[in-house]
Amino acid sequence: MSETKVTTKYQTTIPEDIRKYLKVKPGSKVEWYMVKGFAIVDVPNKIKNPVDFLTSQIKLDLDAVKLVKESREDFK
């Protein structure tokens, strides 16, 4: 677990281990979400080659209906 303080301007520092994992650099944008009472931080990354990315997802054995149902449950 990493811990930081919030300043009087509601700013905080992203801990080093999390910055490295998310590959956050100065000037990066982060997105904040609330899911079931938890704050989620995401770093949106542009996909360099969308066609390659999408075709790589097809190779995975995923059940799209199941994934949608599970995702909907997370946002209730």
PDB file of N, CA and C in Angstrom:
ATOM      1  N   MET A   1       0.841  -1.181   0.000  1.00  0.00           N
ATOM      2  CA  MET A   1       0.000   0.000   0.000  1.00  0.00           C
ATOM      3  C   MET A   1       0.881   1.238   0.000  1.00  0.00           C
ATOM      4  N   SER A   2       0.470   2.215  -0.741  1.00  0.00           N
ATOM      5  CA  SER A   2       1.167   3.496  -0.775  1.00  0.00           C
ATOM      6  C   SER A   2       0.238   4.549  -0.182  1.00  0.00           C
ATOM      7  N   GLU A   3       0.826   5.529   0.445  1.00  0.00           N
ATOM      8  CA  GLU A   3       0.020   6.570   1.086  1.00  0.00           C
ATOM      9  C   GLU A   3       0.589   7.937   0.746  1.00  0.00           C
ATOM     10  N   THR A   4      -0.302   8.888   0.458  1.00  0.00           N
ATOM     11  CA  THR A   4       0.113  10.262   0.208  1.00  0.00           C
ATOM     12  C   THR A   4      -0.835  11.195   0.948  1.00  0.00           C
ATOM     13  N   LYS A   5      -0.426  12.443   1.082  1.00  0.00           N
ATOM     14  CA  LYS A   5      -1.280  13.449   1.715  1.00  0.00           C
ATOM     15  C   LYS A   5      -1.920  14.315   0.641  1.00  0.00           C
ATOM     16  N   VAL A   6      -3.049  14.888   0.983  1.00  0.00           N
ATOM     17  CA  VAL A   6      -3.745  15.818   0.095  1.00  0.00           C
ATOM     18  C   VAL A   6      -3.455  17.226   0.598  1.00  0.00           C
ATOM     19  N   THR A   7      -3.055  18.109  -0.318  1.00  0.00           N
ATOM     20  CA  THR A   7      -2.737  19.477   0.057  1.00  0.00           C
ATOM     21  C   THR A   7      -4.016  20.285   0.246  1.00  0.00           C
ATOM     22  N   THR A   8      -3.878  21.512   0.699  1.00  0.00           N
ATOM     23  CA  THR A   8      -5.043  22.389   0.880  1.00  0.00           C
ATOM     24  C   THR A   8      -5.718  22.710  -0.447  1.00  0.00           C
ATOM     25  N   LYS A   9      -5.001  22.509  -1.566  1.00  0.00           N
ATOM     26  CA  LYS A   9      -5.582  22.705  -2.898  1.00  0.00           C
ATOM     27  C   LYS A   9      -6.085  21.373  -3.477  1.00  0.00           C
ATOM     28  N   TYR A  10      -6.207  20.350  -2.620  1.00  0.00           N
ATOM     29  CA  TYR A  10      -6.695  19.028  -3.005  1.00  0.00           C
ATOM     30  C   TYR A  10      -5.806  18.348  -4.035  1.00  0.00           C
ATOM     31  N   GLN A  11      -4.509  18.585  -3.933  1.00  0.00           N
ATOM     32  CA  GLN A  11      -3.558  17.930  -4.817  1.00  0.00           C
ATOM     33  C   GLN A  11      -2.820  16.858  -4.035  1.00  0.00           C
ATOM     34  N   THR A  12      -2.350  15.841  -4.759  1.00  0.00           N
ATOM     35  CA  THR A  12      -1.569  14.788  -4.136  1.00  0.00           C
ATOM     36  C   THR A  12      -0.534  14.296  -5.136  1.00  0.00           C
ATOM     37  N   THR A  13       0.439  13.553  -4.656  1.00  0.00           N
ATOM     38  CA  THR A  13       1.478  12.987  -5.505  1.00  0.00           C
ATOM     39  C   THR A  13       1.155  11.528  -5.767  1.00  0.00           C
ATOM     40  N   ILE A  14       1.273  11.100  -7.007  1.00  0.00           N
ATOM     41  CA  ILE A  14       1.093   9.683  -7.315  1.00  0.00           C
ATOM     42  C   ILE A  14       2.360   8.970  -6.857  1.00  0.00           C
ATOM     43  N   PRO A  15       2.234   7.978  -5.986  1.00  0.00           N
ATOM     44  CA  PRO A  15       3.419   7.284  -5.480  1.00  0.00           C
ATOM     45  C   PRO A  15       4.261   6.686  -6.602  1.00  0.00           C
ATOM     46  N   GLU A  16       5.564   6.625  -6.371  1.00  0.00           N
ATOM     47  CA  GLU A  16       6.508   6.192  -7.401  1.00  0.00           C
ATOM     48  C   GLU A  16       6.183   4.812  -7.975  1.00  0.00           C
ATOM     49  N   ASP A  17       5.870   3.853  -7.129  1.00  0.00           N
ATOM     50  CA  ASP A  17       5.591   2.504  -7.637  1.00  0.00           C
ATOM     51  C   ASP A  17       4.367   2.489  -8.546  1.00  0.00           C
ATOM     52  N   ILE A  18       3.367   3.299  -8.231  1.00  0.00           N
ATOM     53  CA  ILE A  18       2.163   3.364  -9.062  1.00  0.00           C
ATOM     54  C   ILE A  18       2.452   4.129 -10.347  1.00  0.00           C
ATOM     55  N   ARG A  19       3.233   5.214 -10.261  1.00  0.00           N
ATOM     56  CA  ARG A  19       3.631   5.964 -11.476  1.00  0.00           C
ATOM     57  C   ARG A  19       4.342   5.043 -12.451  1.00  0.00           C
ATOM     58  N   LYS A  20       5.263   4.232 -11.928  1.00  0.00           N
ATOM     59  CA  LYS A  20       6.018   3.326 -12.804  1.00  0.00           C
ATOM     60  C   LYS A  20       5.104   2.282 -13.432  1.00  0.00           C
ATOM     61  N   TYR A  21       4.221   1.718 -12.620  1.00  0.00           N
ATOM     62  CA  TYR A  21       3.320   0.684 -13.126  1.00  0.00           C
ATOM     63  C   TYR A  21       2.398   1.233 -14.209  1.00  0.00           C
ATOM     64  N   LEU A  22       1.848   2.427 -13.985  1.00  0.00           N
ATOM     65  CA  LEU A  22       0.937   3.045 -14.952  1.00  0.00           C
ATOM     66  C   LEU A  22       1.661   3.802 -16.062  1.00  0.00           C
ATOM     67  N   LYS A  23       2.980   3.900 -15.953  1.00  0.00           N
ATOM     68  CA  LYS A  23       3.805   4.621 -16.934  1.00  0.00           C
ATOM     69  C   LYS A  23       3.369   6.082 -17.058  1.00  0.00           C
ATOM     70  N   VAL A  24       3.139   6.714 -15.904  1.00  0.00           N
ATOM     71  CA  VAL A  24       2.731   8.115 -15.863  1.00  0.00           C
ATOM     72  C   VAL A  24       3.975   8.996 -15.925  1.00  0.00           C
ATOM     73  N   LYS A  25       3.935   9.957 -16.798  1.00  0.00           N
ATOM     74  CA  LYS A  25       5.034  10.920 -16.957  1.00  0.00           C
ATOM     75  C   LYS A  25       4.490  12.317 -16.670  1.00  0.00           C
ATOM     76  N   PRO A  26       5.363  13.288 -16.412  1.00  0.00           N
ATOM     77  CA  PRO A  26       4.870  14.663 -16.242  1.00  0.00           C
ATOM     78  C   PRO A  26       4.059  15.088 -17.469  1.00  0.00           C
ATOM     79  N   GLY A  27       2.910  15.662 -17.221  1.00  0.00           N
ATOM     80  CA  GLY A  27       2.030  16.092 -18.309  1.00  0.00           C
ATOM     81  C   GLY A  27       1.009  15.039 -18.713  1.00  0.00           C
ATOM     82  N   SER A  28       1.145  13.814 -18.185  1.00  0.00           N
ATOM     83  CA  SER A  28       0.163  12.764 -18.492  1.00  0.00           C
ATOM     84  C   SER A  28      -1.190  13.130 -17.906  1.00  0.00           C
ATOM     85  N   LYS A  29      -2.232  12.669 -18.554  1.00  0.00           N
ATOM     86  CA  LYS A  29      -3.574  12.855 -18.018  1.00  0.00           C
ATOM     87  C   LYS A  29      -3.990  11.562 -17.329  1.00  0.00           C
ATOM     88  N   VAL A  30      -4.720  11.707 -16.238  1.00  0.00           N
ATOM     89  CA  VAL A  30      -5.280  10.552 -15.557  1.00  0.00           C
ATOM     90  C   VAL A  30      -6.791  10.729 -15.471  1.00  0.00           C
ATOM     91  N   GLU A  31      -7.506   9.615 -15.491  1.00  0.00           N
ATOM     92  CA  GLU A  31      -8.960   9.639 -15.383  1.00  0.00           C
ATOM     93  C   GLU A  31      -9.344   9.023 -14.044  1.00  0.00           C
ATOM     94  N   TRP A  32     -10.345   9.617 -13.393  1.00  0.00           N
ATOM     95  CA  TRP A  32     -10.810   9.151 -12.093  1.00  0.00           C
ATOM     96  C   TRP A  32     -12.225   8.618 -12.233  1.00  0.00           C
ATOM     97  N   TYR A  33     -12.480   7.470 -11.608  1.00  0.00           N
ATOM     98  CA  TYR A  33     -13.800   6.856 -11.604  1.00  0.00           C
ATOM     99  C   TYR A  33     -14.147   6.432 -10.179  1.00  0.00           C
ATOM    100  N   MET A  34     -15.426   6.436  -9.877  1.00  0.00           N
ATOM    101  CA  MET A  34     -15.907   5.882  -8.614  1.00  0.00           C
ATOM    102  C   MET A  34     -16.661   4.602  -8.937  1.00  0.00           C
ATOM    103  N   VAL A  35     -16.243   3.480  -8.370  1.00  0.00           N
ATOM    104  CA  VAL A  35     -16.892   2.194  -8.579  1.00  0.00           C
ATOM    105  C   VAL A  35     -17.094   1.537  -7.223  1.00  0.00           C
ATOM    106  N   LYS A  36     -18.345   1.379  -6.850  1.00  0.00           N
ATOM    107  CA  LYS A  36     -18.694   0.729  -5.588  1.00  0.00           C
ATOM    108  C   LYS A  36     -17.921   1.320  -4.404  1.00  0.00           C
ATOM    109  N   GLY A  37     -17.817   2.637  -4.368  1.00  0.00           N
ATOM    110  CA  GLY A  37     -17.160   3.310  -3.252  1.00  0.00           C
ATOM    111  C   GLY A  37     -15.649   3.354  -3.342  1.00  0.00           C
ATOM    112  N   PHE A  38     -15.069   2.851  -4.417  1.00  0.00           N
ATOM    113  CA  PHE A  38     -13.618   2.888  -4.595  1.00  0.00           C
ATOM    114  C   PHE A  38     -13.260   3.908  -5.669  1.00  0.00           C
ATOM    115  N   ALA A  39     -12.198   4.652  -5.433  1.00  0.00           N
ATOM    116  CA  ALA A  39     -11.694   5.584  -6.446  1.00  0.00           C
ATOM    117  C   ALA A  39     -10.732   4.811  -7.347  1.00  0.00           C
ATOM    118  N   ILE A  40     -10.991   4.836  -8.634  1.00  0.00           N
ATOM    119  CA  ILE A  40     -10.163   4.146  -9.616  1.00  0.00           C
ATOM    120  C   ILE A  40      -9.454   5.195 -10.463  1.00  0.00           C
ATOM    121  N   VAL A  41      -8.159   5.028 -10.626  1.00  0.00           N
ATOM    122  CA  VAL A  41      -7.369   5.935 -11.464  1.00  0.00           C
ATOM    123  C   VAL A  41      -6.928   5.169 -12.700  1.00  0.00           C
ATOM    124  N   ASP A  42      -7.139   5.763 -13.858  1.00  0.00           N
ATOM    125  CA  ASP A  42      -6.746   5.138 -15.110  1.00  0.00           C
ATOM    126  C   ASP A  42      -5.939   6.138 -15.925  1.00  0.00           C
ATOM    127  N   VAL A  43      -4.994   5.622 -16.678  1.00  0.00           N
ATOM    128  CA  VAL A  43      -4.202   6.456 -17.576  1.00  0.00           C
ATOM    129  C   VAL A  43      -4.595   6.064 -18.997  1.00  0.00           C
ATOM    130  N   PRO A  44      -5.339   6.936 -19.685  1.00  0.00           N
ATOM    131  CA  PRO A  44      -5.754   6.584 -21.051  1.00  0.00           C
ATOM    132  C   PRO A  44      -4.540   6.553 -21.974  1.00  0.00           C
ATOM    133  N   ASN A  45      -4.398   5.460 -22.692  1.00  0.00           N
ATOM    134  CA  ASN A  45      -3.284   5.323 -23.630  1.00  0.00           C
ATOM    135  C   ASN A  45      -3.841   5.205 -25.036  1.00  0.00           C
ATOM    136  N   LYS A  46      -3.273   5.971 -25.932  1.00  0.00           N
ATOM    137  CA  LYS A  46      -3.686   5.873 -27.323  1.00  0.00           C
ATOM    138  C   LYS A  46      -3.132   4.575 -27.896  1.00  0.00           C
ATOM    139  N   ILE A  47      -3.966   3.894 -28.650  1.00  0.00           N
ATOM    140  CA  ILE A  47      -3.542   2.654 -29.293  1.00  0.00           C
ATOM    141  C   ILE A  47      -2.857   3.028 -30.598  1.00  0.00           C
ATOM    142  N   LYS A  48      -1.604   2.579 -30.758  1.00  0.00           N
ATOM    143  CA  LYS A  48      -0.835   2.963 -31.947  1.00  0.00           C
ATOM    144  C   LYS A  48      -1.424   2.373 -33.221  1.00  0.00           C
ATOM    145  N   ASN A  49      -1.846   1.113 -33.159  1.00  0.00           N
ATOM    146  CA  ASN A  49      -2.425   0.475 -34.332  1.00  0.00           C
ATOM    147  C   ASN A  49      -3.729  -0.204 -33.915  1.00  0.00           C
ATOM    148  N   PRO A  50      -4.858   0.500 -34.042  1.00  0.00           N
ATOM    149  CA  PRO A  50      -6.132  -0.043 -33.573  1.00  0.00           C
ATOM    150  C   PRO A  50      -6.517  -1.373 -34.204  1.00  0.00           C
ATOM    151  N   VAL A  51      -6.199  -1.577 -35.474  1.00  0.00           N
ATOM    152  CA  VAL A  51      -6.562  -2.829 -36.143  1.00  0.00           C
ATOM    153  C   VAL A  51      -5.816  -3.995 -35.502  1.00  0.00           C
ATOM    154  N   ASP A  52      -4.517  -3.833 -35.269  1.00  0.00           N
ATOM    155  CA  ASP A  52      -3.739  -4.892 -34.610  1.00  0.00           C
ATOM    156  C   ASP A  52      -4.270  -5.162 -33.212  1.00  0.00           C
ATOM    157  N   PHE A  53      -4.616  -4.090 -32.486  1.00  0.00           N
ATOM    158  CA  PHE A  53      -5.140  -4.266 -31.135  1.00  0.00           C
ATOM    159  C   PHE A  53      -6.442  -5.058 -31.157  1.00  0.00           C
ATOM    160  N   LEU A  54      -7.363  -4.677 -32.033  1.00  0.00           N
ATOM    161  CA  LEU A  54      -8.655  -5.352 -32.089  1.00  0.00           C
ATOM    162  C   LEU A  54      -8.518  -6.813 -32.518  1.00  0.00           C
ATOM    163  N   THR A  55      -7.674  -7.069 -33.492  1.00  0.00           N
ATOM    164  CA  THR A  55      -7.505  -8.462 -33.920  1.00  0.00           C
ATOM    165  C   THR A  55      -6.811  -9.293 -32.848  1.00  0.00           C
ATOM    166  N   SER A  56      -5.985  -8.682 -32.047  1.00  0.00           N
ATOM    167  CA  SER A  56      -5.345  -9.433 -30.956  1.00  0.00           C
ATOM    168  C   SER A  56      -6.372  -9.804 -29.898  1.00  0.00           C
ATOM    169  N   GLN A  57      -7.434  -9.016 -29.745  1.00  0.00           N
ATOM    170  CA  GLN A  57      -8.471  -9.312 -28.762  1.00  0.00           C
ATOM    171  C   GLN A  57      -9.349 -10.481 -29.208  1.00  0.00           C
ATOM    172  N   ILE A  58      -9.476 -10.664 -30.506  1.00  0.00           N
ATOM    173  CA  ILE A  58     -10.290 -11.757 -31.041  1.00  0.00           C
ATOM    174  C   ILE A  58      -9.685 -13.108 -30.679  1.00  0.00           C
ATOM    175  N   LYS A  59      -8.365 -13.181 -30.592  1.00  0.00           N
ATOM    176  CA  LYS A  59      -7.684 -14.438 -30.292  1.00  0.00           C
ATOM    177  C   LYS A  59      -7.949 -14.902 -28.859  1.00  0.00           C
ATOM    178  N   LEU A  60      -8.366 -13.990 -27.992  1.00  0.00           N
ATOM    179  CA  LEU A  60      -8.641 -14.348 -26.609  1.00  0.00           C
ATOM    180  C   LEU A  60      -9.969 -15.084 -26.530  1.00  0.00           C
ATOM    181  N   ASP A  61     -10.057 -16.010 -25.613  1.00  0.00           N
ATOM    182  CA  ASP A  61     -11.295 -16.758 -25.437  1.00  0.00           C
ATOM    183  C   ASP A  61     -12.188 -16.001 -24.459  1.00  0.00           C
ATOM    184  N   LEU A  62     -12.890 -14.981 -24.966  1.00  0.00           N
ATOM    185  CA  LEU A  62     -13.726 -14.137 -24.127  1.00  0.00           C
ATOM    186  C   LEU A  62     -15.192 -14.344 -24.460  1.00  0.00           C
ATOM    187  N   ASP A  63     -16.019 -14.304 -23.448  1.00  0.00           N
ATOM    188  CA  ASP A  63     -17.468 -14.359 -23.613  1.00  0.00           C
ATOM    189  C   ASP A  63     -17.985 -12.936 -23.450  1.00  0.00           C
ATOM    190  N   ALA A  64     -18.310 -12.291 -24.567  1.00  0.00           N
ATOM    191  CA  ALA A  64     -18.696 -10.877 -24.538  1.00  0.00           C
ATOM    192  C   ALA A  64     -19.935 -10.639 -23.697  1.00  0.00           C
ATOM    193  N   VAL A  65     -20.915 -11.525 -23.780  1.00  0.00           N
ATOM    194  CA  VAL A  65     -22.147 -11.349 -23.004  1.00  0.00           C
ATOM    195  C   VAL A  65     -21.829 -11.406 -21.508  1.00  0.00           C
ATOM    196  N   LYS A  66     -21.015 -12.360 -21.120  1.00  0.00           N
ATOM    197  CA  LYS A  66     -20.620 -12.497 -19.713  1.00  0.00           C
ATOM    198  C   LYS A  66     -19.867 -11.252 -19.243  1.00  0.00           C
ATOM    199  N   LEU A  67     -18.960 -10.733 -20.076  1.00  0.00           N
ATOM    200  CA  LEU A  67     -18.193  -9.542 -19.709  1.00  0.00           C
ATOM    201  C   LEU A  67     -19.107  -8.336 -19.517  1.00  0.00           C
ATOM    202  N   VAL A  68     -20.097  -8.173 -20.388  1.00  0.00           N
ATOM    203  CA  VAL A  68     -21.024  -7.047 -20.265  1.00  0.00           C
ATOM    204  C   VAL A  68     -21.833  -7.171 -18.980  1.00  0.00           C
ATOM    205  N   LYS A  69     -22.325  -8.371 -18.679  1.00  0.00           N
ATOM    206  CA  LYS A  69     -23.100  -8.583 -17.462  1.00  0.00           C
ATOM    207  C   LYS A  69     -22.261  -8.269 -16.235  1.00  0.00           C
ATOM    208  N   GLU A  70     -20.996  -8.742 -16.207  1.00  0.00           N
ATOM    209  CA  GLU A  70     -20.116  -8.481 -15.080  1.00  0.00           C
ATOM    210  C   GLU A  70     -19.823  -6.986 -14.940  1.00  0.00           C
ATOM    211  N   SER A  71     -19.630  -6.314 -16.058  1.00  0.00           N
ATOM    212  CA  SER A  71     -19.347  -4.883 -16.025  1.00  0.00           C
ATOM    213  C   SER A  71     -20.532  -4.108 -15.486  1.00  0.00           C
ATOM    214  N   ARG A  72     -21.724  -4.497 -15.885  1.00  0.00           N
ATOM    215  CA  ARG A  72     -22.929  -3.824 -15.405  1.00  0.00           C
ATOM    216  C   ARG A  72     -23.069  -3.990 -13.890  1.00  0.00           C
ATOM    217  N   GLU A  73     -22.711  -5.155 -13.381  1.00  0.00           N
ATOM    218  CA  GLU A  73     -22.782  -5.409 -11.950  1.00  0.00           C
ATOM    219  C   GLU A  73     -21.854  -4.468 -11.182  1.00  0.00           C
ATOM    220  N   ASP A  74     -20.703  -4.161 -11.767  1.00  0.00           N
ATOM    221  CA  ASP A  74     -19.724  -3.281 -11.101  1.00  0.00           C
ATOM    222  C   ASP A  74     -20.245  -1.869 -10.928  1.00  0.00           C
ATOM    223  N   PHE A  75     -21.187  -1.437 -11.767  1.00  0.00           N
ATOM    224  CA  PHE A  75     -21.648  -0.061 -11.730  1.00  0.00           C
ATOM    225  C   PHE A  75     -23.016   0.097 -11.081  1.00  0.00           C
ATOM    226  N   LYS A  76     -23.462  -0.930 -10.384  1.00  0.00           N
ATOM    227  CA  LYS A  76     -24.756  -0.833  -9.685  1.00  0.00           C
ATOM    228  C   LYS A  76     -24.578  -0.189  -8.354  1.00  0.00           C
TER     229      LYS A  76
END
